[in-house]
Amino acid sequence: MRIVLYLLALILVLPTLVRLVLTVLRALLAPTGKPARAEAEGIPLRGELKRDPVCGTFVSTAVSVKKSVRGEVLHFCSAECRDKHDG
């Protein structure tokens, strides 16, 4: 009976231990100094976010498609949204 309990405990605990060891190994072996994916693709990670008035998507002012309407600069996520805008 004692052997069955030991085996049951091992079956329940072993996957958790393996996950813990793999997580630690991934953290230790992860490359450092590598730029974030967005930065590597040329997308700035900083900047003010504005809401696209057509679709409601938030877009960085650094990469937005801009349109001036009655002296106000509007920011769009794409040229399609800019062209849909009626203002």
PDB file of N, CA and C in Angstrom:
ATOM      1  N   MET A   1       0.826  -1.189   0.000  1.00  0.00           N
ATOM      2  CA  MET A   1       0.000   0.000   0.000  1.00  0.00           C
ATOM      3  C   MET A   1       0.874   1.259   0.000  1.00  0.00           C
ATOM      4  N   ARG A   2       1.961   1.198   0.768  1.00  0.00           N
ATOM      5  CA  ARG A   2       2.854   2.343   0.865  1.00  0.00           C
ATOM      6  C   ARG A   2       3.485   2.653  -0.499  1.00  0.00           C
ATOM      7  N   ILE A   3       3.813   1.641  -1.274  1.00  0.00           N
ATOM      8  CA  ILE A   3       4.416   1.821  -2.596  1.00  0.00           C
ATOM      9  C   ILE A   3       3.429   2.521  -3.532  1.00  0.00           C
ATOM     10  N   VAL A   4       2.176   2.154  -3.442  1.00  0.00           N
ATOM     11  CA  VAL A   4       1.147   2.774  -4.281  1.00  0.00           C
ATOM     12  C   VAL A   4       1.029   4.262  -3.954  1.00  0.00           C
ATOM     13  N   LEU A   5       1.080   4.599  -2.687  1.00  0.00           N
ATOM     14  CA  LEU A   5       1.009   6.012  -2.297  1.00  0.00           C
ATOM     15  C   LEU A   5       2.225   6.785  -2.786  1.00  0.00           C
ATOM     16  N   TYR A   6       3.417   6.177  -2.711  1.00  0.00           N
ATOM     17  CA  TYR A   6       4.627   6.828  -3.215  1.00  0.00           C
ATOM     18  C   TYR A   6       4.538   7.052  -4.722  1.00  0.00           C
ATOM     19  N   LEU A   7       4.056   6.061  -5.436  1.00  0.00           N
ATOM     20  CA  LEU A   7       3.905   6.204  -6.888  1.00  0.00           C
ATOM     21  C   LEU A   7       2.889   7.280  -7.241  1.00  0.00           C
ATOM     22  N   LEU A   8       1.798   7.323  -6.520  1.00  0.00           N
ATOM     23  CA  LEU A   8       0.775   8.343  -6.758  1.00  0.00           C
ATOM     24  C   LEU A   8       1.329   9.735  -6.488  1.00  0.00           C
ATOM     25  N   ALA A   9       2.067   9.899  -5.415  1.00  0.00           N
ATOM     26  CA  ALA A   9       2.680  11.188  -5.109  1.00  0.00           C
ATOM     27  C   ALA A   9       3.680  11.578  -6.189  1.00  0.00           C
ATOM     28  N   LEU A  10       4.460  10.630  -6.659  1.00  0.00           N
ATOM     29  CA  LEU A  10       5.434  10.886  -7.717  1.00  0.00           C
ATOM     30  C   LEU A  10       4.748  11.311  -9.012  1.00  0.00           C
ATOM     31  N   ILE A  11       3.666  10.665  -9.355  1.00  0.00           N
ATOM     32  CA  ILE A  11       2.921  10.999 -10.571  1.00  0.00           C
ATOM     33  C   ILE A  11       2.339  12.409 -10.476  1.00  0.00           C
ATOM     34  N   LEU A  12       1.908  12.810  -9.299  1.00  0.00           N
ATOM     35  CA  LEU A  12       1.316  14.135  -9.129  1.00  0.00           C
ATOM     36  C   LEU A  12       2.362  15.249  -9.043  1.00  0.00           C
ATOM     37  N   VAL A  13       3.527  14.964  -8.490  1.00  0.00           N
ATOM     38  CA  VAL A  13       4.540  15.987  -8.247  1.00  0.00           C
ATOM     39  C   VAL A  13       5.530  16.122  -9.403  1.00  0.00           C
ATOM     40  N   LEU A  14       5.815  15.041 -10.090  1.00  0.00           N
ATOM     41  CA  LEU A  14       6.838  15.045 -11.132  1.00  0.00           C
ATOM     42  C   LEU A  14       6.587  16.075 -12.241  1.00  0.00           C
ATOM     43  N   PRO A  15       5.392  16.198 -12.799  1.00  0.00           N
ATOM     44  CA  PRO A  15       5.188  17.203 -13.858  1.00  0.00           C
ATOM     45  C   PRO A  15       5.464  18.635 -13.381  1.00  0.00           C
ATOM     46  N   THR A  16       5.118  18.940 -12.157  1.00  0.00           N
ATOM     47  CA  THR A  16       5.376  20.268 -11.610  1.00  0.00           C
ATOM     48  C   THR A  16       6.869  20.520 -11.476  1.00  0.00           C
ATOM     49  N   LEU A  17       7.606  19.528 -11.017  1.00  0.00           N
ATOM     50  CA  LEU A  17       9.059  19.667 -10.892  1.00  0.00           C
ATOM     51  C   LEU A  17       9.720  19.846 -12.257  1.00  0.00           C
ATOM     52  N   VAL A  18       9.268  19.095 -13.240  1.00  0.00           N
ATOM     53  CA  VAL A  18       9.831  19.216 -14.590  1.00  0.00           C
ATOM     54  C   VAL A  18       9.561  20.608 -15.146  1.00  0.00           C
ATOM     55  N   ARG A  19       8.333  21.117 -14.986  1.00  0.00           N
ATOM     56  CA  ARG A  19       8.000  22.470 -15.449  1.00  0.00           C
ATOM     57  C   ARG A  19       8.872  23.517 -14.778  1.00  0.00           C
ATOM     58  N   LEU A  20       9.106  23.372 -13.488  1.00  0.00           N
ATOM     59  CA  LEU A  20       9.941  24.312 -12.745  1.00  0.00           C
ATOM     60  C   LEU A  20      11.374  24.305 -13.264  1.00  0.00           C
ATOM     61  N   VAL A  21      11.926  23.127 -13.473  1.00  0.00           N
ATOM     62  CA  VAL A  21      13.291  23.019 -13.986  1.00  0.00           C
ATOM     63  C   VAL A  21      13.392  23.622 -15.381  1.00  0.00           C
ATOM     64  N   LEU A  22      12.427  23.354 -16.246  1.00  0.00           N
ATOM     65  CA  LEU A  22      12.448  23.918 -17.603  1.00  0.00           C
ATOM     66  C   LEU A  22      12.325  25.438 -17.590  1.00  0.00           C
ATOM     67  N   THR A  23      11.509  25.974 -16.711  1.00  0.00           N
ATOM     68  CA  THR A  23      11.369  27.422 -16.602  1.00  0.00           C
ATOM     69  C   THR A  23      12.677  28.066 -16.175  1.00  0.00           C
ATOM     70  N   VAL A  24      13.341  27.476 -15.208  1.00  0.00           N
ATOM     71  CA  VAL A  24      14.628  28.002 -14.740  1.00  0.00           C
ATOM     72  C   VAL A  24      15.671  27.914 -15.848  1.00  0.00           C
ATOM     73  N   LEU A  25      15.708  26.803 -16.561  1.00  0.00           N
ATOM     74  CA  LEU A  25      16.668  26.653 -17.654  1.00  0.00           C
ATOM     75  C   LEU A  25      16.420  27.664 -18.772  1.00  0.00           C
ATOM     76  N   ARG A  26      15.150  27.886 -19.123  1.00  0.00           N
ATOM     77  CA  ARG A  26      14.828  28.888 -20.149  1.00  0.00           C
ATOM     78  C   ARG A  26      15.292  30.270 -19.728  1.00  0.00           C
ATOM     79  N   ALA A  27      15.087  30.619 -18.468  1.00  0.00           N
ATOM     80  CA  ALA A  27      15.495  31.932 -17.972  1.00  0.00           C
ATOM     81  C   ALA A  27      17.012  32.082 -17.997  1.00  0.00           C
ATOM     82  N   LEU A  28      17.714  31.024 -17.671  1.00  0.00           N
ATOM     83  CA  LEU A  28      19.176  31.079 -17.657  1.00  0.00           C
ATOM     84  C   LEU A  28      19.775  31.109 -19.059  1.00  0.00           C
ATOM     85  N   LEU A  29      19.137  30.445 -20.001  1.00  0.00           N
ATOM     86  CA  LEU A  29      19.677  30.337 -21.353  1.00  0.00           C
ATOM     87  C   LEU A  29      19.122  31.375 -22.319  1.00  0.00           C
ATOM     88  N   ALA A  30      18.205  32.226 -21.862  1.00  0.00           N
ATOM     89  CA  ALA A  30      17.608  33.236 -22.745  1.00  0.00           C
ATOM     90  C   ALA A  30      18.661  34.255 -23.152  1.00  0.00           C
ATOM     91  N   PRO A  31      18.654  34.658 -24.430  1.00  0.00           N
ATOM     92  CA  PRO A  31      19.619  35.667 -24.880  1.00  0.00           C
ATOM     93  C   PRO A  31      19.320  37.023 -24.240  1.00  0.00           C
ATOM     94  N   THR A  32      20.369  37.741 -23.932  1.00  0.00           N
ATOM     95  CA  THR A  32      20.197  39.061 -23.332  1.00  0.00           C
ATOM     96  C   THR A  32      20.630  40.122 -24.322  1.00  0.00           C
ATOM     97  N   GLY A  33      20.084  41.305 -24.163  1.00  0.00           N
ATOM     98  CA  GLY A  33      20.447  42.411 -25.034  1.00  0.00           C
ATOM     99  C   GLY A  33      19.773  42.368 -26.391  1.00  0.00           C
ATOM    100  N   LYS A  34      18.909  41.416 -26.613  1.00  0.00           N
ATOM    101  CA  LYS A  34      18.213  41.302 -27.883  1.00  0.00           C
ATOM    102  C   LYS A  34      17.055  42.304 -27.901  1.00  0.00           C
ATOM    103  N   PRO A  35      16.901  43.079 -28.981  1.00  0.00           N
ATOM    104  CA  PRO A  35      15.812  44.058 -29.012  1.00  0.00           C
ATOM    105  C   PRO A  35      14.454  43.374 -29.070  1.00  0.00           C
ATOM    106  N   ALA A  36      13.463  44.054 -28.578  1.00  0.00           N
ATOM    107  CA  ALA A  36      12.106  43.531 -28.622  1.00  0.00           C
ATOM    108  C   ALA A  36      11.680  43.367 -30.079  1.00  0.00           C
ATOM    109  N   ARG A  37      10.734  42.480 -30.317  1.00  0.00           N
ATOM    110  CA  ARG A  37      10.303  42.186 -31.688  1.00  0.00           C
ATOM    111  C   ARG A  37       9.814  43.441 -32.407  1.00  0.00           C
ATOM    112  N   ALA A  38       9.006  44.234 -31.738  1.00  0.00           N
ATOM    113  CA  ALA A  38       8.478  45.444 -32.370  1.00  0.00           C
ATOM    114  C   ALA A  38       9.602  46.404 -32.723  1.00  0.00           C
ATOM    115  N   GLU A  39      10.556  46.557 -31.823  1.00  0.00           N
ATOM    116  CA  GLU A  39      11.680  47.445 -32.080  1.00  0.00           C
ATOM    117  C   GLU A  39      12.526  46.923 -33.226  1.00  0.00           C
ATOM    118  N   ALA A  40      12.707  45.617 -33.304  1.00  0.00           N
ATOM    119  CA  ALA A  40      13.498  45.020 -34.374  1.00  0.00           C
ATOM    120  C   ALA A  40      12.828  45.224 -35.728  1.00  0.00           C
ATOM    121  N   GLU A  41      11.508  45.319 -35.739  1.00  0.00           N
ATOM    122  CA  GLU A  41      10.772  45.526 -36.983  1.00  0.00           C
ATOM    123  C   GLU A  41      10.597  47.012 -37.304  1.00  0.00           C
ATOM    124  N   GLY A  42      11.195  47.882 -36.499  1.00  0.00           N
ATOM    125  CA  GLY A  42      11.128  49.311 -36.776  1.00  0.00           C
ATOM    126  C   GLY A  42       9.903  50.008 -36.216  1.00  0.00           C
ATOM    127  N   ILE A  43       9.158  49.339 -35.357  1.00  0.00           N
ATOM    128  CA  ILE A  43       7.977  49.947 -34.750  1.00  0.00           C
ATOM    129  C   ILE A  43       8.397  50.546 -33.417  1.00  0.00           C
ATOM    130  N   PRO A  44       8.244  51.867 -33.247  1.00  0.00           N
ATOM    131  CA  PRO A  44       8.672  52.477 -31.989  1.00  0.00           C
ATOM    132  C   PRO A  44       7.827  51.994 -30.818  1.00  0.00           C
ATOM    133  N   LEU A  45       8.488  51.798 -29.682  1.00  0.00           N
ATOM    134  CA  LEU A  45       7.786  51.337 -28.488  1.00  0.00           C
ATOM    135  C   LEU A  45       7.347  52.491 -27.603  1.00  0.00           C
ATOM    136  N   ARG A  46       7.742  53.705 -27.967  1.00  0.00           N
ATOM    137  CA  ARG A  46       7.361  54.859 -27.169  1.00  0.00           C
ATOM    138  C   ARG A  46       6.481  55.785 -28.006  1.00  0.00           C
ATOM    139  N   GLY A  47       5.881  56.725 -27.342  1.00  0.00           N
ATOM    140  CA  GLY A  47       5.078  57.716 -28.046  1.00  0.00           C
ATOM    141  C   GLY A  47       3.670  57.740 -27.511  1.00  0.00           C
ATOM    142  N   GLU A  48       3.022  58.810 -27.834  1.00  0.00           N
ATOM    143  CA  GLU A  48       1.650  58.999 -27.383  1.00  0.00           C
ATOM    144  C   GLU A  48       0.707  58.171 -28.252  1.00  0.00           C
ATOM    145  N   LEU A  49      -0.319  57.614 -27.638  1.00  0.00           N
ATOM    146  CA  LEU A  49      -1.313  56.856 -28.380  1.00  0.00           C
ATOM    147  C   LEU A  49      -2.533  57.722 -28.626  1.00  0.00           C
ATOM    148  N   LYS A  50      -3.040  57.656 -29.834  1.00  0.00           N
ATOM    149  CA  LYS A  50      -4.267  58.364 -30.205  1.00  0.00           C
ATOM    150  C   LYS A  50      -5.254  57.343 -30.739  1.00  0.00           C
ATOM    151  N   ARG A  51      -6.534  57.637 -30.572  1.00  0.00           N
ATOM    152  CA  ARG A  51      -7.573  56.714 -31.032  1.00  0.00           C
ATOM    153  C   ARG A  51      -7.992  57.060 -32.452  1.00  0.00           C
ATOM    154  N   ASP A  52      -8.006  56.049 -33.300  1.00  0.00           N
ATOM    155  CA  ASP A  52      -8.465  56.217 -34.681  1.00  0.00           C
ATOM    156  C   ASP A  52      -9.958  56.526 -34.638  1.00  0.00           C
ATOM    157  N   PRO A  53     -10.391  57.661 -35.213  1.00  0.00           N
ATOM    158  CA  PRO A  53     -11.807  58.030 -35.136  1.00  0.00           C
ATOM    159  C   PRO A  53     -12.723  57.138 -35.970  1.00  0.00           C
ATOM    160  N   VAL A  54     -12.184  56.332 -36.860  1.00  0.00           N
ATOM    161  CA  VAL A  54     -13.014  55.480 -37.708  1.00  0.00           C
ATOM    162  C   VAL A  54     -13.221  54.107 -37.074  1.00  0.00           C
ATOM    163  N   CYS A  55     -12.126  53.417 -36.763  1.00  0.00           N
ATOM    164  CA  CYS A  55     -12.255  52.037 -36.266  1.00  0.00           C
ATOM    165  C   CYS A  55     -12.048  51.912 -34.761  1.00  0.00           C
ATOM    166  N   GLY A  56     -11.520  52.965 -34.105  1.00  0.00           N
ATOM    167  CA  GLY A  56     -11.347  52.938 -32.664  1.00  0.00           C
ATOM    168  C   GLY A  56     -10.043  52.328 -32.185  1.00  0.00           C
ATOM    169  N   THR A  57      -9.182  51.919 -33.106  1.00  0.00           N
ATOM    170  CA  THR A  57      -7.892  51.348 -32.735  1.00  0.00           C
ATOM    171  C   THR A  57      -6.987  52.434 -32.182  1.00  0.00           C
ATOM    172  N   PHE A  58      -6.209  52.103 -31.156  1.00  0.00           N
ATOM    173  CA  PHE A  58      -5.217  53.042 -30.646  1.00  0.00           C
ATOM    174  C   PHE A  58      -3.940  52.867 -31.445  1.00  0.00           C
ATOM    175  N   VAL A  59      -3.376  53.990 -31.891  1.00  0.00           N
ATOM    176  CA  VAL A  59      -2.185  53.954 -32.734  1.00  0.00           C
ATOM    177  C   VAL A  59      -1.180  54.975 -32.213  1.00  0.00           C
ATOM    178  N   SER A  60       0.106  54.629 -32.312  1.00  0.00           N
ATOM    179  CA  SER A  60       1.167  55.531 -31.886  1.00  0.00           C
ATOM    180  C   SER A  60       1.234  56.721 -32.832  1.00  0.00           C
ATOM    181  N   THR A  61       1.429  57.886 -32.279  1.00  0.00           N
ATOM    182  CA  THR A  61       1.531  59.085 -33.117  1.00  0.00           C
ATOM    183  C   THR A  61       2.765  59.022 -34.009  1.00  0.00           C
ATOM    184  N   ALA A  62       3.743  58.214 -33.640  1.00  0.00           N
ATOM    185  CA  ALA A  62       4.969  58.109 -34.436  1.00  0.00           C
ATOM    186  C   ALA A  62       4.736  57.369 -35.750  1.00  0.00           C
ATOM    187  N   VAL A  63       3.773  56.463 -35.795  1.00  0.00           N
ATOM    188  CA  VAL A  63       3.552  55.669 -37.006  1.00  0.00           C
ATOM    189  C   VAL A  63       2.157  55.862 -37.599  1.00  0.00           C
ATOM    190  N   SER A  64       1.368  56.743 -37.050  1.00  0.00           N
ATOM    191  CA  SER A  64      -0.001  56.915 -37.527  1.00  0.00           C
ATOM    192  C   SER A  64      -0.035  57.624 -38.872  1.00  0.00           C
ATOM    193  N   VAL A  65      -1.143  57.417 -39.591  1.00  0.00           N
ATOM    194  CA  VAL A  65      -1.420  58.153 -40.823  1.00  0.00           C
ATOM    195  C   VAL A  65      -2.195  59.387 -40.391  1.00  0.00           C
ATOM    196  N   LYS A  66      -1.668  60.554 -40.715  1.00  0.00           N
ATOM    197  CA  LYS A  66      -2.239  61.805 -40.202  1.00  0.00           C
ATOM    198  C   LYS A  66      -3.083  62.510 -41.256  1.00  0.00           C
ATOM    199  N   LYS A  67      -4.091  63.246 -40.762  1.00  0.00           N
ATOM    200  CA  LYS A  67      -4.951  64.049 -41.630  1.00  0.00           C
ATOM    201  C   LYS A  67      -5.363  65.278 -40.831  1.00  0.00           C
ATOM    202  N   SER A  68      -5.247  66.431 -41.444  1.00  0.00           N
ATOM    203  CA  SER A  68      -5.633  67.673 -40.779  1.00  0.00           C
ATOM    204  C   SER A  68      -7.066  68.023 -41.163  1.00  0.00           C
ATOM    205  N   VAL A  69      -7.914  68.180 -40.150  1.00  0.00           N
ATOM    206  CA  VAL A  69      -9.314  68.530 -40.369  1.00  0.00           C
ATOM    207  C   VAL A  69      -9.633  69.748 -39.521  1.00  0.00           C
ATOM    208  N   ARG A  70      -9.955  70.859 -40.161  1.00  0.00           N
ATOM    209  CA  ARG A  70     -10.284  72.129 -39.488  1.00  0.00           C
ATOM    210  C   ARG A  70      -9.228  72.507 -38.444  1.00  0.00           C
ATOM    211  N   GLY A  71      -7.966  72.353 -38.815  1.00  0.00           N
ATOM    212  CA  GLY A  71      -6.874  72.736 -37.949  1.00  0.00           C
ATOM    213  C   GLY A  71      -6.499  71.708 -36.892  1.00  0.00           C
ATOM    214  N   GLU A  72      -7.227  70.607 -36.828  1.00  0.00           N
ATOM    215  CA  GLU A  72      -6.935  69.556 -35.852  1.00  0.00           C
ATOM    216  C   GLU A  72      -6.305  68.372 -36.579  1.00  0.00           C
ATOM    217  N   VAL A  73      -5.225  67.848 -36.023  1.00  0.00           N
ATOM    218  CA  VAL A  73      -4.564  66.688 -36.620  1.00  0.00           C
ATOM    219  C   VAL A  73      -5.211  65.418 -36.073  1.00  0.00           C
ATOM    220  N   LEU A  74      -5.729  64.590 -36.981  1.00  0.00           N
ATOM    221  CA  LEU A  74      -6.318  63.312 -36.602  1.00  0.00           C
ATOM    222  C   LEU A  74      -5.333  62.211 -36.955  1.00  0.00           C
ATOM    223  N   HIS A  75      -5.334  61.168 -36.146  1.00  0.00           N
ATOM    224  CA  HIS A  75      -4.402  60.056 -36.338  1.00  0.00           C
ATOM    225  C   HIS A  75      -5.195  58.802 -36.682  1.00  0.00           C
ATOM    226  N   PHE A  76      -4.792  58.129 -37.774  1.00  0.00           N
ATOM    227  CA  PHE A  76      -5.468  56.934 -38.250  1.00  0.00           C
ATOM    228  C   PHE A  76      -4.503  55.756 -38.265  1.00  0.00           C
ATOM    229  N   CYS A  77      -5.046  54.549 -38.135  1.00  0.00           N
ATOM    230  CA  CYS A  77      -4.202  53.348 -38.137  1.00  0.00           C
ATOM    231  C   CYS A  77      -3.770  52.971 -39.545  1.00  0.00           C
ATOM    232  N   SER A  78      -4.522  53.407 -40.556  1.00  0.00           N
ATOM    233  CA  SER A  78      -4.186  53.042 -41.931  1.00  0.00           C
ATOM    234  C   SER A  78      -4.729  54.090 -42.896  1.00  0.00           C
ATOM    235  N   ALA A  79      -4.247  54.017 -44.129  1.00  0.00           N
ATOM    236  CA  ALA A  79      -4.744  54.925 -45.166  1.00  0.00           C
ATOM    237  C   ALA A  79      -6.216  54.634 -45.462  1.00  0.00           C
ATOM    238  N   GLU A  80      -6.632  53.375 -45.317  1.00  0.00           N
ATOM    239  CA  GLU A  80      -8.033  53.019 -45.566  1.00  0.00           C
ATOM    240  C   GLU A  80      -8.952  53.728 -44.578  1.00  0.00           C
ATOM    241  N   CYS A  81      -8.568  53.742 -43.304  1.00  0.00           N
ATOM    242  CA  CYS A  81      -9.385  54.433 -42.301  1.00  0.00           C
ATOM    243  C   CYS A  81      -9.387  55.940 -42.567  1.00  0.00           C
ATOM    244  N   ARG A  82      -8.242  56.479 -42.955  1.00  0.00           N
ATOM    245  CA  ARG A  82      -8.166  57.904 -43.272  1.00  0.00           C
ATOM    246  C   ARG A  82      -9.121  58.246 -44.411  1.00  0.00           C
ATOM    247  N   ASP A  83      -9.157  57.390 -45.457  1.00  0.00           N
ATOM    248  CA  ASP A  83     -10.008  57.648 -46.611  1.00  0.00           C
ATOM    249  C   ASP A  83     -11.493  57.465 -46.291  1.00  0.00           C
ATOM    250  N   LYS A  84     -11.816  56.620 -45.305  1.00  0.00           N
ATOM    251  CA  LYS A  84     -13.205  56.430 -44.896  1.00  0.00           C
ATOM    252  C   LYS A  84     -13.751  57.601 -44.094  1.00  0.00           C
ATOM    253  N   HIS A  85     -12.863  58.351 -43.456  1.00  0.00           N
ATOM    254  CA  HIS A  85     -13.283  59.450 -42.580  1.00  0.00           C
ATOM    255  C   HIS A  85     -13.976  60.520 -43.414  1.00  0.00           C
ATOM    256  N   ASP A  86     -15.105  60.983 -42.945  1.00  0.00           N
ATOM    257  CA  ASP A  86     -15.909  61.947 -43.732  1.00  0.00           C
ATOM    258  C   ASP A  86     -15.584  63.399 -43.441  1.00  0.00           C
ATOM    259  N   GLY A  87     -14.790  63.651 -42.403  1.00  0.00           N
ATOM    260  CA  GLY A  87     -14.506  65.030 -42.017  1.00  0.00           C
ATOM    261  C   GLY A  87     -13.532  65.661 -42.926  1.00  0.00           C
TER     262      GLY A  87
END
